[in-house]
Amino acid sequence: YAMLGAGVFILLDAPSLNRLEGIKAIIGLVLFYLVLSG
């Protein structure tokens, strides 16, 4: 849990990603949940 908290704070300061639209946004969202669930 401590390491996950550190990861969250690291992501908060990370540079923003390029905006995804359309099918790319859907694919990105699915991949995000797959990685998170995995």
PDB file of all heavy atoms in Angstrom:
ATOM      1  N   TYR A   1       0.833  -1.206   0.000  1.00  0.00           N
ATOM      2  CA  TYR A   1       0.000   0.000   0.000  1.00  0.00           C
ATOM      3  C   TYR A   1       0.867   1.256   0.000  1.00  0.00           C
ATOM      4  O   TYR A   1       0.548   2.251  -0.667  1.00  0.00           O
ATOM      5  CB  TYR A   1      -0.909   0.004   1.236  1.00  0.00           C
ATOM      6  CG  TYR A   1      -2.031  -1.000   1.176  1.00  0.00           C
ATOM      7  CD1 TYR A   1      -2.575  -1.537   2.339  1.00  0.00           C
ATOM      8  CD2 TYR A   1      -2.558  -1.420  -0.046  1.00  0.00           C
ATOM      9  CE1 TYR A   1      -3.601  -2.462   2.287  1.00  0.00           C
ATOM     10  CE2 TYR A   1      -3.577  -2.348  -0.106  1.00  0.00           C
ATOM     11  CZ  TYR A   1      -4.095  -2.866   1.063  1.00  0.00           C
ATOM     12  OH  TYR A   1      -5.106  -3.776   1.012  1.00  0.00           O
ATOM     13  N   ALA A   2       1.958   1.225   0.753  1.00  0.00           N
ATOM     14  CA  ALA A   2       2.860   2.380   0.785  1.00  0.00           C
ATOM     15  C   ALA A   2       3.474   2.615  -0.598  1.00  0.00           C
ATOM     16  O   ALA A   2       3.576   3.764  -1.065  1.00  0.00           O
ATOM     17  CB  ALA A   2       3.954   2.169   1.824  1.00  0.00           C
ATOM     18  N   MET A   3       3.845   1.549  -1.275  1.00  0.00           N
ATOM     19  CA  MET A   3       4.433   1.678  -2.609  1.00  0.00           C
ATOM     20  C   MET A   3       3.396   2.158  -3.623  1.00  0.00           C
ATOM     21  O   MET A   3       3.699   2.973  -4.512  1.00  0.00           O
ATOM     22  CB  MET A   3       5.020   0.338  -3.047  1.00  0.00           C
ATOM     23  CG  MET A   3       6.193  -0.138  -2.201  1.00  0.00           C
ATOM     24  SD  MET A   3       7.517   1.084  -2.087  1.00  0.00           S
ATOM     25  CE  MET A   3       7.996   1.263  -3.794  1.00  0.00           C
ATOM     26  N   LEU A   4       2.162   1.691  -3.496  1.00  0.00           N
ATOM     27  CA  LEU A   4       1.095   2.169  -4.387  1.00  0.00           C
ATOM     28  C   LEU A   4       0.848   3.657  -4.172  1.00  0.00           C
ATOM     29  O   LEU A   4       0.613   4.407  -5.132  1.00  0.00           O
ATOM     30  CB  LEU A   4      -0.191   1.368  -4.143  1.00  0.00           C
ATOM     31  CG  LEU A   4      -0.192  -0.086  -4.632  1.00  0.00           C
ATOM     32  CD1 LEU A   4      -1.489  -0.786  -4.199  1.00  0.00           C
ATOM     33  CD2 LEU A   4      -0.070  -0.134  -6.154  1.00  0.00           C
ATOM     34  N   GLY A   5       0.861   4.078  -2.902  1.00  0.00           N
ATOM     35  CA  GLY A   5       0.690   5.505  -2.617  1.00  0.00           C
ATOM     36  C   GLY A   5       1.798   6.334  -3.230  1.00  0.00           C
ATOM     37  O   GLY A   5       1.545   7.409  -3.808  1.00  0.00           O
ATOM     38  N   ALA A   6       3.029   5.832  -3.140  1.00  0.00           N
ATOM     39  CA  ALA A   6       4.145   6.543  -3.765  1.00  0.00           C
ATOM     40  C   ALA A   6       3.959   6.611  -5.276  1.00  0.00           C
ATOM     41  O   ALA A   6       4.244   7.637  -5.911  1.00  0.00           O
ATOM     42  CB  ALA A   6       5.462   5.846  -3.417  1.00  0.00           C
ATOM     43  N   GLY A   7       3.455   5.516  -5.858  1.00  0.00           N
ATOM     44  CA  GLY A   7       3.209   5.506  -7.303  1.00  0.00           C
ATOM     45  C   GLY A   7       2.182   6.534  -7.723  1.00  0.00           C
ATOM     46  O   GLY A   7       2.323   7.193  -8.770  1.00  0.00           O
ATOM     47  N   VAL A   8       1.133   6.696  -6.909  1.00  0.00           N
ATOM     48  CA  VAL A   8       0.102   7.686  -7.219  1.00  0.00           C
ATOM     49  C   VAL A   8       0.696   9.092  -7.209  1.00  0.00           C
ATOM     50  O   VAL A   8       0.433   9.909  -8.109  1.00  0.00           O
ATOM     51  CB  VAL A   8      -1.066   7.578  -6.215  1.00  0.00           C
ATOM     52  CG1 VAL A   8      -2.024   8.756  -6.376  1.00  0.00           C
ATOM     53  CG2 VAL A   8      -1.800   6.256  -6.400  1.00  0.00           C
ATOM     54  N   PHE A   9       1.507   9.393  -6.195  1.00  0.00           N
ATOM     55  CA  PHE A   9       2.113  10.733  -6.118  1.00  0.00           C
ATOM     56  C   PHE A   9       3.118  10.967  -7.248  1.00  0.00           C
ATOM     57  O   PHE A   9       3.292  12.098  -7.707  1.00  0.00           O
ATOM     58  CB  PHE A   9       2.777  10.926  -4.751  1.00  0.00           C
ATOM     59  CG  PHE A   9       1.813  11.252  -3.659  1.00  0.00           C
ATOM     60  CD1 PHE A   9       1.397  10.275  -2.765  1.00  0.00           C
ATOM     61  CD2 PHE A   9       1.278  12.530  -3.532  1.00  0.00           C
ATOM     62  CE1 PHE A   9       0.491  10.571  -1.765  1.00  0.00           C
ATOM     63  CE2 PHE A   9       0.378  12.828  -2.528  1.00  0.00           C
ATOM     64  CZ  PHE A   9      -0.025  11.855  -1.645  1.00  0.00           C
ATOM     65  N   ILE A  10       3.755   9.915  -7.700  1.00  0.00           N
ATOM     66  CA  ILE A  10       4.654  10.055  -8.852  1.00  0.00           C
ATOM     67  C   ILE A  10       3.864  10.390 -10.106  1.00  0.00           C
ATOM     68  O   ILE A  10       4.235  11.257 -10.901  1.00  0.00           O
ATOM     69  CB  ILE A  10       5.473   8.760  -9.045  1.00  0.00           C
ATOM     70  CG1 ILE A  10       6.493   8.609  -7.920  1.00  0.00           C
ATOM     71  CG2 ILE A  10       6.184   8.767 -10.398  1.00  0.00           C
ATOM     72  CD1 ILE A  10       7.214   7.272  -7.922  1.00  0.00           C
ATOM     73  N   LEU A  11       2.722   9.723 -10.283  1.00  0.00           N
ATOM     74  CA  LEU A  11       1.890   9.974 -11.463  1.00  0.00           C
ATOM     75  C   LEU A  11       1.303  11.384 -11.454  1.00  0.00           C
ATOM     76  O   LEU A  11       1.091  11.981 -12.518  1.00  0.00           O
ATOM     77  CB  LEU A  11       0.760   8.940 -11.530  1.00  0.00           C
ATOM     78  CG  LEU A  11       1.179   7.509 -11.876  1.00  0.00           C
ATOM     79  CD1 LEU A  11      -0.012   6.562 -11.795  1.00  0.00           C
ATOM     80  CD2 LEU A  11       1.784   7.453 -13.282  1.00  0.00           C
ATOM     81  N   LEU A  12       1.027  11.901 -10.261  1.00  0.00           N
ATOM     82  CA  LEU A  12       0.469  13.249 -10.195  1.00  0.00           C
ATOM     83  C   LEU A  12       1.434  14.301 -10.753  1.00  0.00           C
ATOM     84  O   LEU A  12       1.006  15.328 -11.295  1.00  0.00           O
ATOM     85  CB  LEU A  12       0.117  13.597  -8.746  1.00  0.00           C
ATOM     86  CG  LEU A  12      -1.083  12.850  -8.144  1.00  0.00           C
ATOM     87  CD1 LEU A  12      -1.251  13.217  -6.683  1.00  0.00           C
ATOM     88  CD2 LEU A  12      -2.363  13.177  -8.919  1.00  0.00           C
ATOM     89  N   ASP A  13       2.722  14.061 -10.615  1.00  0.00           N
ATOM     90  CA  ASP A  13       3.715  15.009 -11.109  1.00  0.00           C
ATOM     91  C   ASP A  13       4.244  14.639 -12.498  1.00  0.00           C
ATOM     92  O   ASP A  13       5.101  15.336 -13.038  1.00  0.00           O
ATOM     93  CB  ASP A  13       4.904  15.087 -10.137  1.00  0.00           C
ATOM     94  CG  ASP A  13       4.500  15.728  -8.820  1.00  0.00           C
ATOM     95  OD1 ASP A  13       3.520  16.492  -8.819  1.00  0.00           O
ATOM     96  OD2 ASP A  13       5.152  15.443  -7.797  1.00  0.00           O
ATOM     97  N   ALA A  14       3.753  13.540 -13.051  1.00  0.00           N
ATOM     98  CA  ALA A  14       4.221  13.120 -14.376  1.00  0.00           C
ATOM     99  C   ALA A  14       3.626  14.026 -15.453  1.00  0.00           C
ATOM    100  O   ALA A  14       2.531  14.587 -15.278  1.00  0.00           O
ATOM    101  CB  ALA A  14       3.816  11.664 -14.622  1.00  0.00           C
ATOM    102  N   PRO A  15       4.332  14.199 -16.575  1.00  0.00           N
ATOM    103  CA  PRO A  15       3.787  15.032 -17.664  1.00  0.00           C
ATOM    104  C   PRO A  15       2.528  14.408 -18.242  1.00  0.00           C
ATOM    105  O   PRO A  15       2.362  13.189 -18.261  1.00  0.00           O
ATOM    106  CB  PRO A  15       4.929  15.058 -18.688  1.00  0.00           C
ATOM    107  CG  PRO A  15       5.754  13.842 -18.383  1.00  0.00           C
ATOM    108  CD  PRO A  15       5.658  13.639 -16.911  1.00  0.00           C
ATOM    109  N   SER A  16       1.617  15.257 -18.670  1.00  0.00           N
ATOM    110  CA  SER A  16       0.346  14.775 -19.216  1.00  0.00           C
ATOM    111  C   SER A  16       0.565  14.069 -20.548  1.00  0.00           C
ATOM    112  O   SER A  16       1.484  14.384 -21.308  1.00  0.00           O
ATOM    113  CB  SER A  16      -0.615  15.951 -19.399  1.00  0.00           C
ATOM    114  OG  SER A  16      -0.042  16.901 -20.282  1.00  0.00           O
ATOM    115  N   LEU A  17      -0.276  13.085 -20.822  1.00  0.00           N
ATOM    116  CA  LEU A  17      -0.213  12.342 -22.080  1.00  0.00           C
ATOM    117  C   LEU A  17      -0.962  13.104 -23.169  1.00  0.00           C
ATOM    118  O   LEU A  17      -1.789  13.988 -22.888  1.00  0.00           O
ATOM    119  CB  LEU A  17      -0.835  10.949 -21.888  1.00  0.00           C
ATOM    120  CG  LEU A  17      -0.156  10.027 -20.865  1.00  0.00           C
ATOM    121  CD1 LEU A  17      -0.984   8.753 -20.692  1.00  0.00           C
ATOM    122  CD2 LEU A  17       1.267   9.686 -21.303  1.00  0.00           C
ATOM    123  N   ASN A  18      -0.666  12.755 -24.384  1.00  0.00           N
ATOM    124  CA  ASN A  18      -1.406  13.336 -25.507  1.00  0.00           C
ATOM    125  C   ASN A  18      -2.855  12.903 -25.447  1.00  0.00           C
ATOM    126  O   ASN A  18      -3.170  11.764 -25.084  1.00  0.00           O
ATOM    127  CB  ASN A  18      -0.781  12.917 -26.833  1.00  0.00           C
ATOM    128  CG  ASN A  18       0.634  13.467 -27.000  1.00  0.00           C
ATOM    129  OD1 ASN A  18       0.939  14.550 -26.489  1.00  0.00           O
ATOM    130  ND2 ASN A  18       1.484  12.733 -27.691  1.00  0.00           N
ATOM    131  N   ARG A  19      -3.729  13.790 -25.782  1.00  0.00           N
ATOM    132  CA  ARG A  19      -5.160  13.503 -25.728  1.00  0.00           C
ATOM    133  C   ARG A  19      -5.530  12.456 -26.775  1.00  0.00           C
ATOM    134  O   ARG A  19      -5.110  12.541 -27.936  1.00  0.00           O
ATOM    135  CB  ARG A  19      -5.952  14.778 -25.948  1.00  0.00           C
ATOM    136  CG  ARG A  19      -7.448  14.568 -25.864  1.00  0.00           C
ATOM    137  CD  ARG A  19      -8.178  15.882 -25.930  1.00  0.00           C
ATOM    138  NE  ARG A  19      -9.618  15.695 -25.864  1.00  0.00           N
ATOM    139  CZ  ARG A  19     -10.501  16.676 -25.825  1.00  0.00           C
ATOM    140  NH1 ARG A  19     -10.060  17.949 -25.845  1.00  0.00           N
ATOM    141  NH2 ARG A  19     -11.794  16.433 -25.760  1.00  0.00           N
ATOM    142  N   LEU A  20      -6.333  11.468 -26.312  1.00  0.00           N
ATOM    143  CA  LEU A  20      -6.801  10.427 -27.228  1.00  0.00           C
ATOM    144  C   LEU A  20      -8.270  10.658 -27.540  1.00  0.00           C
ATOM    145  O   LEU A  20      -9.054  11.021 -26.648  1.00  0.00           O
ATOM    146  CB  LEU A  20      -6.610   9.047 -26.595  1.00  0.00           C
ATOM    147  CG  LEU A  20      -5.160   8.639 -26.256  1.00  0.00           C
ATOM    148  CD1 LEU A  20      -5.137   7.279 -25.576  1.00  0.00           C
ATOM    149  CD2 LEU A  20      -4.304   8.616 -27.505  1.00  0.00           C
ATOM    150  N   GLU A  21      -8.653  10.403 -28.752  1.00  0.00           N
ATOM    151  CA  GLU A  21     -10.041  10.583 -29.169  1.00  0.00           C
ATOM    152  C   GLU A  21     -10.507   9.381 -29.964  1.00  0.00           C
ATOM    153  O   GLU A  21      -9.697   8.647 -30.542  1.00  0.00           O
ATOM    154  CB  GLU A  21     -10.185  11.861 -30.004  1.00  0.00           C
ATOM    155  CG  GLU A  21      -9.849  13.137 -29.249  1.00  0.00           C
ATOM    156  CD  GLU A  21     -10.013  14.367 -30.121  1.00  0.00           C
ATOM    157  OE1 GLU A  21     -10.244  14.201 -31.333  1.00  0.00           O
ATOM    158  OE2 GLU A  21      -9.912  15.488 -29.580  1.00  0.00           O
ATOM    159  N   GLY A  22     -11.822   9.204 -29.964  1.00  0.00           N
ATOM    160  CA  GLY A  22     -12.416   8.172 -30.794  1.00  0.00           C
ATOM    161  C   GLY A  22     -12.017   6.778 -30.372  1.00  0.00           C
ATOM    162  O   GLY A  22     -11.981   6.435 -29.180  1.00  0.00           O
ATOM    163  N   ILE A  23     -11.699   5.956 -31.383  1.00  0.00           N
ATOM    164  CA  ILE A  23     -11.377   4.563 -31.129  1.00  0.00           C
ATOM    165  C   ILE A  23     -10.119   4.415 -30.288  1.00  0.00           C
ATOM    166  O   ILE A  23      -9.972   3.497 -29.492  1.00  0.00           O
ATOM    167  CB  ILE A  23     -11.230   3.806 -32.469  1.00  0.00           C
ATOM    168  CG1 ILE A  23     -11.130   2.295 -32.215  1.00  0.00           C
ATOM    169  CG2 ILE A  23     -10.006   4.313 -33.218  1.00  0.00           C
ATOM    170  CD1 ILE A  23     -12.365   1.696 -31.636  1.00  0.00           C
ATOM    171  N   LYS A  24      -9.176   5.360 -30.448  1.00  0.00           N
ATOM    172  CA  LYS A  24      -7.950   5.314 -29.655  1.00  0.00           C
ATOM    173  C   LYS A  24      -8.247   5.496 -28.165  1.00  0.00           C
ATOM    174  O   LYS A  24      -7.624   4.858 -27.308  1.00  0.00           O
ATOM    175  CB  LYS A  24      -6.984   6.385 -30.122  1.00  0.00           C
ATOM    176  CG  LYS A  24      -6.392   6.135 -31.513  1.00  0.00           C
ATOM    177  CD  LYS A  24      -5.385   7.212 -31.859  1.00  0.00           C
ATOM    178  CE  LYS A  24      -4.774   6.961 -33.246  1.00  0.00           C
ATOM    179  NZ  LYS A  24      -3.790   8.000 -33.598  1.00  0.00           N
ATOM    180  N   ALA A  25      -9.195   6.366 -27.842  1.00  0.00           N
ATOM    181  CA  ALA A  25      -9.559   6.592 -26.444  1.00  0.00           C
ATOM    182  C   ALA A  25     -10.164   5.322 -25.834  1.00  0.00           C
ATOM    183  O   ALA A  25      -9.873   4.952 -24.691  1.00  0.00           O
ATOM    184  CB  ALA A  25     -10.532   7.757 -26.333  1.00  0.00           C
ATOM    185  N   ILE A  26     -11.024   4.645 -26.646  1.00  0.00           N
ATOM    186  CA  ILE A  26     -11.653   3.408 -26.151  1.00  0.00           C
ATOM    187  C   ILE A  26     -10.594   2.328 -25.922  1.00  0.00           C
ATOM    188  O   ILE A  26     -10.584   1.646 -24.899  1.00  0.00           O
ATOM    189  CB  ILE A  26     -12.727   2.930 -27.147  1.00  0.00           C
ATOM    190  CG1 ILE A  26     -13.862   3.961 -27.232  1.00  0.00           C
ATOM    191  CG2 ILE A  26     -13.269   1.567 -26.733  1.00  0.00           C
ATOM    192  CD1 ILE A  26     -14.901   3.642 -28.281  1.00  0.00           C
ATOM    193  N   ILE A  27      -9.697   2.179 -26.895  1.00  0.00           N
ATOM    194  CA  ILE A  27      -8.641   1.176 -26.774  1.00  0.00           C
ATOM    195  C   ILE A  27      -7.746   1.490 -25.574  1.00  0.00           C
ATOM    196  O   ILE A  27      -7.372   0.604 -24.794  1.00  0.00           O
ATOM    197  CB  ILE A  27      -7.807   1.109 -28.073  1.00  0.00           C
ATOM    198  CG1 ILE A  27      -8.675   0.585 -29.221  1.00  0.00           C
ATOM    199  CG2 ILE A  27      -6.585   0.219 -27.879  1.00  0.00           C
ATOM    200  CD1 ILE A  27      -7.993   0.632 -30.580  1.00  0.00           C
ATOM    201  N   GLY A  28      -7.416   2.791 -25.402  1.00  0.00           N
ATOM    202  CA  GLY A  28      -6.585   3.189 -24.272  1.00  0.00           C
ATOM    203  C   GLY A  28      -7.237   2.885 -22.940  1.00  0.00           C
ATOM    204  O   GLY A  28      -6.594   2.420 -21.995  1.00  0.00           O
ATOM    205  N   LEU A  29      -8.566   3.134 -22.852  1.00  0.00           N
ATOM    206  CA  LEU A  29      -9.302   2.870 -21.612  1.00  0.00           C
ATOM    207  C   LEU A  29      -9.335   1.377 -21.320  1.00  0.00           C
ATOM    208  O   LEU A  29      -9.124   0.951 -20.167  1.00  0.00           O
ATOM    209  CB  LEU A  29     -10.724   3.424 -21.743  1.00  0.00           C
ATOM    210  CG  LEU A  29     -11.607   3.295 -20.493  1.00  0.00           C
ATOM    211  CD1 LEU A  29     -11.011   4.089 -19.341  1.00  0.00           C
ATOM    212  CD2 LEU A  29     -13.024   3.778 -20.796  1.00  0.00           C
ATOM    213  N   VAL A  30      -9.582   0.578 -22.367  1.00  0.00           N
ATOM    214  CA  VAL A  30      -9.614  -0.883 -22.169  1.00  0.00           C
ATOM    215  C   VAL A  30      -8.249  -1.391 -21.722  1.00  0.00           C
ATOM    216  O   VAL A  30      -8.137  -2.213 -20.804  1.00  0.00           O
ATOM    217  CB  VAL A  30     -10.069  -1.577 -23.470  1.00  0.00           C
ATOM    218  CG1 VAL A  30      -9.902  -3.093 -23.342  1.00  0.00           C
ATOM    219  CG2 VAL A  30     -11.518  -1.236 -23.791  1.00  0.00           C
ATOM    220  N   LEU A  31      -7.198  -0.901 -22.377  1.00  0.00           N
ATOM    221  CA  LEU A  31      -5.849  -1.331 -22.004  1.00  0.00           C
ATOM    222  C   LEU A  31      -5.513  -0.929 -20.573  1.00  0.00           C
ATOM    223  O   LEU A  31      -4.864  -1.682 -19.823  1.00  0.00           O
ATOM    224  CB  LEU A  31      -4.830  -0.724 -22.974  1.00  0.00           C
ATOM    225  CG  LEU A  31      -4.816  -1.304 -24.389  1.00  0.00           C
ATOM    226  CD1 LEU A  31      -3.838  -0.541 -25.271  1.00  0.00           C
ATOM    227  CD2 LEU A  31      -4.465  -2.793 -24.360  1.00  0.00           C
ATOM    228  N   PHE A  32      -5.969   0.265 -20.185  1.00  0.00           N
ATOM    229  CA  PHE A  32      -5.704   0.733 -18.823  1.00  0.00           C
ATOM    230  C   PHE A  32      -6.329  -0.204 -17.791  1.00  0.00           C
ATOM    231  O   PHE A  32      -5.688  -0.612 -16.821  1.00  0.00           O
ATOM    232  CB  PHE A  32      -6.267   2.149 -18.649  1.00  0.00           C
ATOM    233  CG  PHE A  32      -6.198   2.644 -17.233  1.00  0.00           C
ATOM    234  CD1 PHE A  32      -4.993   3.073 -16.693  1.00  0.00           C
ATOM    235  CD2 PHE A  32      -7.345   2.685 -16.439  1.00  0.00           C
ATOM    236  CE1 PHE A  32      -4.934   3.536 -15.383  1.00  0.00           C
ATOM    237  CE2 PHE A  32      -7.286   3.138 -15.138  1.00  0.00           C
ATOM    238  CZ  PHE A  32      -6.078   3.567 -14.600  1.00  0.00           C
ATOM    239  N   TYR A  33      -7.593  -0.568 -18.018  1.00  0.00           N
ATOM    240  CA  TYR A  33      -8.266  -1.467 -17.085  1.00  0.00           C
ATOM    241  C   TYR A  33      -7.671  -2.870 -17.113  1.00  0.00           C
ATOM    242  O   TYR A  33      -7.610  -3.549 -16.093  1.00  0.00           O
ATOM    243  CB  TYR A  33      -9.766  -1.519 -17.372  1.00  0.00           C
ATOM    244  CG  TYR A  33     -10.516  -0.357 -16.754  1.00  0.00           C
ATOM    245  CD1 TYR A  33     -11.015   0.677 -17.546  1.00  0.00           C
ATOM    246  CD2 TYR A  33     -10.724  -0.285 -15.383  1.00  0.00           C
ATOM    247  CE1 TYR A  33     -11.700   1.748 -16.976  1.00  0.00           C
ATOM    248  CE2 TYR A  33     -11.406   0.780 -14.805  1.00  0.00           C
ATOM    249  CZ  TYR A  33     -11.882   1.796 -15.613  1.00  0.00           C
ATOM    250  OH  TYR A  33     -12.547   2.846 -15.051  1.00  0.00           O
ATOM    251  N   LEU A  34      -7.228  -3.313 -18.296  1.00  0.00           N
ATOM    252  CA  LEU A  34      -6.596  -4.637 -18.373  1.00  0.00           C
ATOM    253  C   LEU A  34      -5.288  -4.659 -17.580  1.00  0.00           C
ATOM    254  O   LEU A  34      -5.011  -5.616 -16.843  1.00  0.00           O
ATOM    255  CB  LEU A  34      -6.328  -5.005 -19.834  1.00  0.00           C
ATOM    256  CG  LEU A  34      -7.558  -5.383 -20.665  1.00  0.00           C
ATOM    257  CD1 LEU A  34      -7.156  -5.618 -22.122  1.00  0.00           C
ATOM    258  CD2 LEU A  34      -8.228  -6.645 -20.097  1.00  0.00           C
ATOM    259  N   VAL A  35      -4.495  -3.609 -17.748  1.00  0.00           N
ATOM    260  CA  VAL A  35      -3.235  -3.539 -17.007  1.00  0.00           C
ATOM    261  C   VAL A  35      -3.493  -3.444 -15.510  1.00  0.00           C
ATOM    262  O   VAL A  35      -2.867  -4.145 -14.693  1.00  0.00           O
ATOM    263  CB  VAL A  35      -2.398  -2.333 -17.492  1.00  0.00           C
ATOM    264  CG1 VAL A  35      -1.186  -2.140 -16.583  1.00  0.00           C
ATOM    265  CG2 VAL A  35      -1.955  -2.539 -18.931  1.00  0.00           C
ATOM    266  N   LEU A  36      -4.442  -2.572 -15.145  1.00  0.00           N
ATOM    267  CA  LEU A  36      -4.755  -2.402 -13.719  1.00  0.00           C
ATOM    268  C   LEU A  36      -5.274  -3.699 -13.106  1.00  0.00           C
ATOM    269  O   LEU A  36      -4.866  -4.099 -12.004  1.00  0.00           O
ATOM    270  CB  LEU A  36      -5.787  -1.286 -13.549  1.00  0.00           C
ATOM    271  CG  LEU A  36      -6.092  -0.848 -12.115  1.00  0.00           C
ATOM    272  CD1 LEU A  36      -4.840  -0.248 -11.477  1.00  0.00           C
ATOM    273  CD2 LEU A  36      -7.222   0.167 -12.087  1.00  0.00           C
ATOM    274  N   SER A  37      -6.179  -4.375 -13.823  1.00  0.00           N
ATOM    275  CA  SER A  37      -6.723  -5.646 -13.317  1.00  0.00           C
ATOM    276  C   SER A  37      -5.647  -6.707 -13.245  1.00  0.00           C
ATOM    277  O   SER A  37      -5.602  -7.504 -12.289  1.00  0.00           O
ATOM    278  CB  SER A  37      -7.859  -6.120 -14.234  1.00  0.00           C
ATOM    279  OG  SER A  37      -8.912  -5.184 -14.258  1.00  0.00           O
ATOM    280  N   GLY A  38      -4.778  -6.736 -14.250  1.00  0.00           N
ATOM    281  CA  GLY A  38      -3.704  -7.720 -14.236  1.00  0.00           C
ATOM    282  C   GLY A  38      -2.765  -7.527 -13.056  1.00  0.00           C
ATOM    283  O   GLY A  38      -2.358  -8.496 -12.395  1.00  0.00           O
TER     284      GLY A  38
END
